[in-house]
Every structure is written in C-alpha cells, then in structure tokens.
C-alpha cells in the first residue's frame, strides 16, 4: 500500500471514529433529554455569552450558505492603436476576458451552496455560533429560524431564516447539531420529529 493510500485510509478511519463518537454522544444526549435531564453545559473562554446563555457543545463542521450573486460584472474596455494585427489581437483578448467574466457572473447568479469551508462551531441553549474565514464568529439564533431540516442519513443540518441566507452544517458532528437545533427550535416537541427518531432508536 502506497503512502497516499495509507494516508487516505487513515483519514477515513479517523472520520469513521469521529462519526461514531458524535453519534454515540447525540444518542446519549437524546435519551437523557427525553428522560427529562437538562442539556449538558460546558465552560467556554474567549467568547462572551449573553445573560442566561449556556454553552452546550463545540466542535468542527463544514459550513456553507445558500445564495446567488446579482450577476453583474466589470467589463474591460479595450482601446489599441498601432499595427492592425496588434489592434485585432488586443480586441480579441478583451473580448475573451469579458466573455469569461460574463460566464462567471452568470454562474454566480445561480442559487447554490457557497462559502463552503471547515468551521469551528459552538452550540448554546440560544443558537449556534460558527467561525468563518471572512467574517469571524457569526451567530445564528434559534428564535430567527424559519426552517429546520435535519438530514441524519447524509450527516447534515440546514436552517432557513427570514432575513438571512440559509445555513448548512455537515460532517461527523451533524447528529449532535440536529439534536440541539431540534431542541432549541422545537422545544420538547423535538422528540416527535420523525427525522430525529434514529437518535432515539
């Protein structure tokens, strides 16, 4: 087995181990919640919590948002003087650049999952905080959620908002995120959501 194959196998094994650990954690917490136990809490240093806000769990996840750009782009204006061959080649290059920008703008105008990146997350009793490369820590309060889509078979959770682009979090921590988002958004009714039933099986 080559070193690349060994590396890939090691990565897959680590991911499987992480998935198993997160699944076991989520199932244990789900059973505890259904039995009436309060969510576990933890201590967090650095991030300032709101009054009465309790950190529950933190980890890493793949973060993405669903949006489209407005489709505009900057056109290159080309002006050339000189030999006809030089002028024609300059105009051709300008047309190629503008065509490329137009195609990219058209692609960006399509709704798609964007900003995909590995992100640290923290779940509290009030919402989720995610750390992004461009904007640092972003807060997504459960009170602002208008749609909740846990997808345990595909290890992801998507949240819709009235005033912001939808958020998708995916990866080994998805079962825990599905549980705590369900609890934070639906309250005690989370256990009646059939999409979360595998956590109680």
Protein backbone atom coordinates (compact mmCIF):
# COMPACT_ATOMS: atom_id res chain seq x y z
CA UNK A 1 0.00 0.00 0.00
CA UNK A 2 1.49 3.35 -1.02
CA UNK A 3 1.83 6.28 1.36
CA UNK A 4 -1.11 8.11 -0.26
CA UNK A 5 -3.35 5.06 0.14
CA UNK A 6 -2.24 4.70 3.77
CA UNK A 7 -2.94 8.40 4.34
CA UNK A 8 -6.41 8.12 2.80
CA UNK A 9 -7.19 5.01 4.83
CA UNK A 10 -6.05 6.81 8.00
CA UNK A 11 -8.23 9.82 7.20
CA UNK A 12 -11.26 7.61 6.53
CA UNK A 13 -10.67 5.70 9.75
CA UNK A 14 -10.37 8.95 11.73
CA UNK A 15 -13.58 10.25 10.13
CA UNK A 16 -15.39 6.99 10.93
CA UNK A 17 -14.15 7.18 14.52
CA UNK A 18 -15.32 10.81 14.77
CA UNK A 19 -18.69 9.89 13.27
CA UNK A 20 -19.12 7.05 15.76
CA UNK A 21 -18.18 9.31 18.68
CA UNK A 22 -20.57 12.07 17.61
CA UNK A 23 -23.37 9.55 17.00
CA UNK A 24 -22.87 7.97 20.44
CA UNK A 25 -22.83 11.43 22.05
CA UNK A 26 -26.03 12.50 20.26
CA UNK A 27 -27.89 9.28 21.10
CA UNK A 28 -26.87 9.53 24.76
CA UNK A 29 -27.96 13.17 24.99
CA UNK A 30 -31.23 12.47 23.14
CA UNK A 31 -32.13 9.69 25.58
CA UNK A 32 -31.20 11.92 28.52
CA UNK A 33 -33.34 14.79 27.20
CA UNK A 34 -36.32 12.52 26.65
CA UNK A 35 -35.93 11.26 30.23
CA UNK A 36 -36.07 14.86 31.49
CA UNK A 37 -32.37 15.58 32.02
CA UNK A 38 -31.25 19.15 31.22
CA UNK A 39 -28.78 19.74 28.38
CA UNK A 40 -25.15 19.38 29.46
CA UNK A 41 -23.19 22.60 29.84
CA UNK A 42 -19.54 23.43 29.40
CA UNK A 43 -17.15 26.29 30.06
CA UNK A 44 -16.02 28.45 27.17
CA UNK A 45 -13.23 31.01 27.32
CA UNK A 46 -12.93 33.92 24.91
CA UNK A 47 -16.46 34.09 23.51
CA UNK A 48 -18.82 36.23 25.60
CA UNK A 49 -22.21 34.64 26.21
CA UNK A 50 -25.45 36.54 26.69
CA UNK A 51 -27.22 36.66 30.04
CA UNK A 52 -28.59 33.19 30.75
CA UNK A 53 -26.89 31.69 27.70
CA UNK A 54 -25.33 28.28 28.33
CA UNK A 55 -22.72 26.68 26.04
CA UNK A 56 -23.61 23.03 25.32
CA UNK A 57 -21.11 21.58 22.83
CA UNK A 58 -18.40 22.67 20.42
CA UNK A 59 -16.57 21.09 17.53
CA UNK A 60 -15.80 21.39 13.81
CA UNK A 61 -18.16 21.21 10.88
CA UNK A 62 -18.37 22.01 7.17
CA UNK A 63 -20.15 25.35 6.83
CA UNK A 64 -21.93 26.69 3.72
CA UNK A 65 -24.61 29.25 2.81
CA UNK A 66 -27.21 29.16 0.00
CA UNK A 67 -27.31 32.32 -2.10
CA UNK A 68 -26.76 33.82 -5.54
CA UNK A 69 -24.84 36.92 -6.62
CA UNK A 70 -26.59 39.67 -8.61
CA UNK A 71 -24.98 38.62 -11.91
CA UNK A 72 -23.15 41.90 -12.56
CA UNK A 73 -19.54 42.06 -13.68
CA UNK A 74 -16.99 44.69 -14.70
CA UNK A 75 -16.47 44.93 -18.44
CA UNK A 76 -12.98 45.58 -19.71
CA UNK A 77 -12.79 48.46 -22.14
CA UNK A 78 -10.14 47.89 -24.77
CA UNK A 79 -8.51 50.62 -26.83
CA UNK A 80 -5.49 49.98 -29.02
CA UNK A 81 -3.52 51.91 -31.61
CA UNK A 82 -0.87 50.57 -33.91
CA UNK A 83 -0.42 47.78 -36.38
CA UNK A 84 -3.75 46.13 -37.44
CA UNK A 85 -2.61 42.72 -36.19
CA UNK A 86 -1.80 44.21 -32.76
CA UNK A 87 -5.17 46.01 -32.62
CA UNK A 88 -7.08 42.85 -33.59
CA UNK A 89 -5.24 40.68 -31.06
CA UNK A 90 -5.81 43.27 -28.31
CA UNK A 91 -9.54 43.42 -29.12
CA UNK A 92 -9.72 39.60 -29.19
CA UNK A 93 -8.09 39.35 -25.76
CA UNK A 94 -10.52 41.97 -24.39
CA UNK A 95 -13.48 40.03 -25.79
CA UNK A 96 -12.18 36.80 -24.24
CA UNK A 97 -11.76 38.47 -20.84
CA UNK A 98 -15.26 39.97 -21.00
CA UNK A 99 -16.74 36.64 -22.10
CA UNK A 100 -15.04 34.85 -19.22
CA UNK A 101 -16.32 37.45 -16.72
CA UNK A 102 -19.83 37.21 -18.15
CA UNK A 103 -19.87 33.41 -17.84
CA UNK A 104 -18.57 33.62 -14.25
CA UNK A 105 -21.22 36.24 -13.38
CA UNK A 106 -23.94 34.03 -14.90
CA UNK A 107 -22.68 31.08 -12.83
CA UNK A 108 -22.63 33.22 -9.68
CA UNK A 109 -26.22 34.35 -10.34
CA UNK A 110 -27.41 30.75 -9.87
CA UNK A 111 -28.61 29.79 -6.39
CA UNK A 112 -26.04 27.39 -4.90
CA UNK A 113 -24.32 26.41 -1.66
CA UNK A 114 -21.37 28.81 -1.35
CA UNK A 115 -18.69 29.90 1.14
CA UNK A 116 -18.03 26.19 1.85
CA UNK A 117 -15.32 25.84 4.49
CA UNK A 118 -14.34 24.00 7.64
CA UNK A 119 -15.64 25.93 10.61
CA UNK A 120 -15.49 25.72 14.37
CA UNK A 121 -18.93 25.79 15.97
CA UNK A 122 -20.41 26.30 19.40
CA UNK A 123 -24.00 25.37 20.25
CA UNK A 124 -25.69 27.15 23.14
CA UNK A 125 -29.22 27.00 24.51
CA UNK A 126 -30.00 30.04 22.30
CA UNK A 127 -28.33 29.27 18.99
CA UNK A 128 -25.23 28.32 17.04
CA UNK A 129 -22.03 30.29 16.61
CA UNK A 130 -19.81 29.47 13.61
CA UNK A 131 -16.35 30.81 12.89
CA UNK A 132 -15.84 31.79 9.24
CA UNK A 133 -12.66 32.81 7.47
CA UNK A 134 -14.08 36.06 6.10
CA UNK A 135 -16.26 37.29 8.97
CA UNK A 136 -15.04 35.60 12.15
CA UNK A 137 -17.73 34.37 14.56
CA UNK A 138 -21.30 34.53 13.28
CA UNK A 139 -24.34 33.95 15.48
CA UNK A 140 -27.48 32.12 14.32
CA UNK A 141 -30.20 32.42 16.97
CA UNK A 142 -32.82 29.68 17.18
CA UNK A 143 -35.50 32.39 17.53
CA UNK A 144 -34.68 33.57 13.99
CA UNK A 145 -35.00 30.14 12.33
CA UNK A 146 -37.92 29.75 9.91
CA UNK A 147 -37.00 26.29 8.53
CA UNK A 148 -35.30 23.30 10.17
CA UNK A 149 -34.09 20.39 8.01
CA UNK A 150 -32.08 17.69 9.80
CA UNK A 151 -30.73 15.06 7.39
CA UNK A 152 -29.16 12.35 9.54
CA UNK A 153 -28.63 9.85 6.68
CA UNK A 154 -26.49 12.46 4.89
CA UNK A 155 -24.89 13.87 8.05
CA UNK A 156 -26.14 17.44 7.61
CA UNK A 157 -28.48 20.05 9.09
CA UNK A 158 -29.90 23.01 7.15
CA UNK A 159 -31.54 26.06 8.69
CA UNK A 160 -33.61 28.69 6.90
CA UNK A 161 -34.05 32.28 8.07
CA UNK A 162 -36.44 35.06 7.09
CA UNK A 163 -33.73 37.71 6.96
CA UNK A 164 -30.58 35.78 6.01
CA UNK A 165 -29.27 33.16 3.59
CA UNK A 166 -29.90 29.52 4.57
CA UNK A 167 -27.15 27.77 6.51
CA UNK A 168 -25.97 24.17 6.04
CA UNK A 169 -23.71 22.39 8.53
CA UNK A 170 -22.44 18.93 7.63
CA UNK A 171 -19.96 16.34 8.79
CA UNK A 172 -19.48 13.92 11.69
CA UNK A 173 -20.95 16.37 14.25
CA UNK A 174 -24.28 16.60 12.36
CA UNK A 175 -26.22 14.26 14.72
CA UNK A 176 -25.36 16.46 17.71
CA UNK A 177 -26.21 19.60 15.74
CA UNK A 178 -29.52 18.08 14.64
CA UNK A 179 -30.39 17.22 18.23
CA UNK A 180 -29.51 20.57 19.77
CA UNK A 181 -31.03 22.57 16.91
CA UNK A 182 -34.19 20.48 17.19
CA UNK A 183 -34.33 21.02 20.93
CA UNK A 184 -33.58 24.75 20.61
CA UNK A 185 -36.11 25.34 17.82
CA UNK A 186 -38.91 22.87 18.68
CA UNK A 187 -38.53 22.72 22.45
CA UNK A 188 -39.81 19.48 23.99
CA UNK A 189 -41.51 18.61 20.69
CA UNK A 190 -38.14 17.71 19.17
CA UNK A 191 -38.66 14.04 20.09
CA UNK A 192 -41.86 13.92 17.99
CA UNK A 193 -39.95 14.91 14.83
CA UNK A 194 -39.62 11.69 12.77
CA UNK A 195 -36.39 12.96 11.20
CA UNK A 196 -34.76 12.79 14.65
CA UNK A 197 -36.23 9.37 15.53
CA UNK A 198 -32.96 7.49 14.74
CA UNK A 199 -31.41 9.21 17.76
CA UNK A 200 -33.99 7.55 20.00
CA UNK A 201 -33.93 4.08 18.41
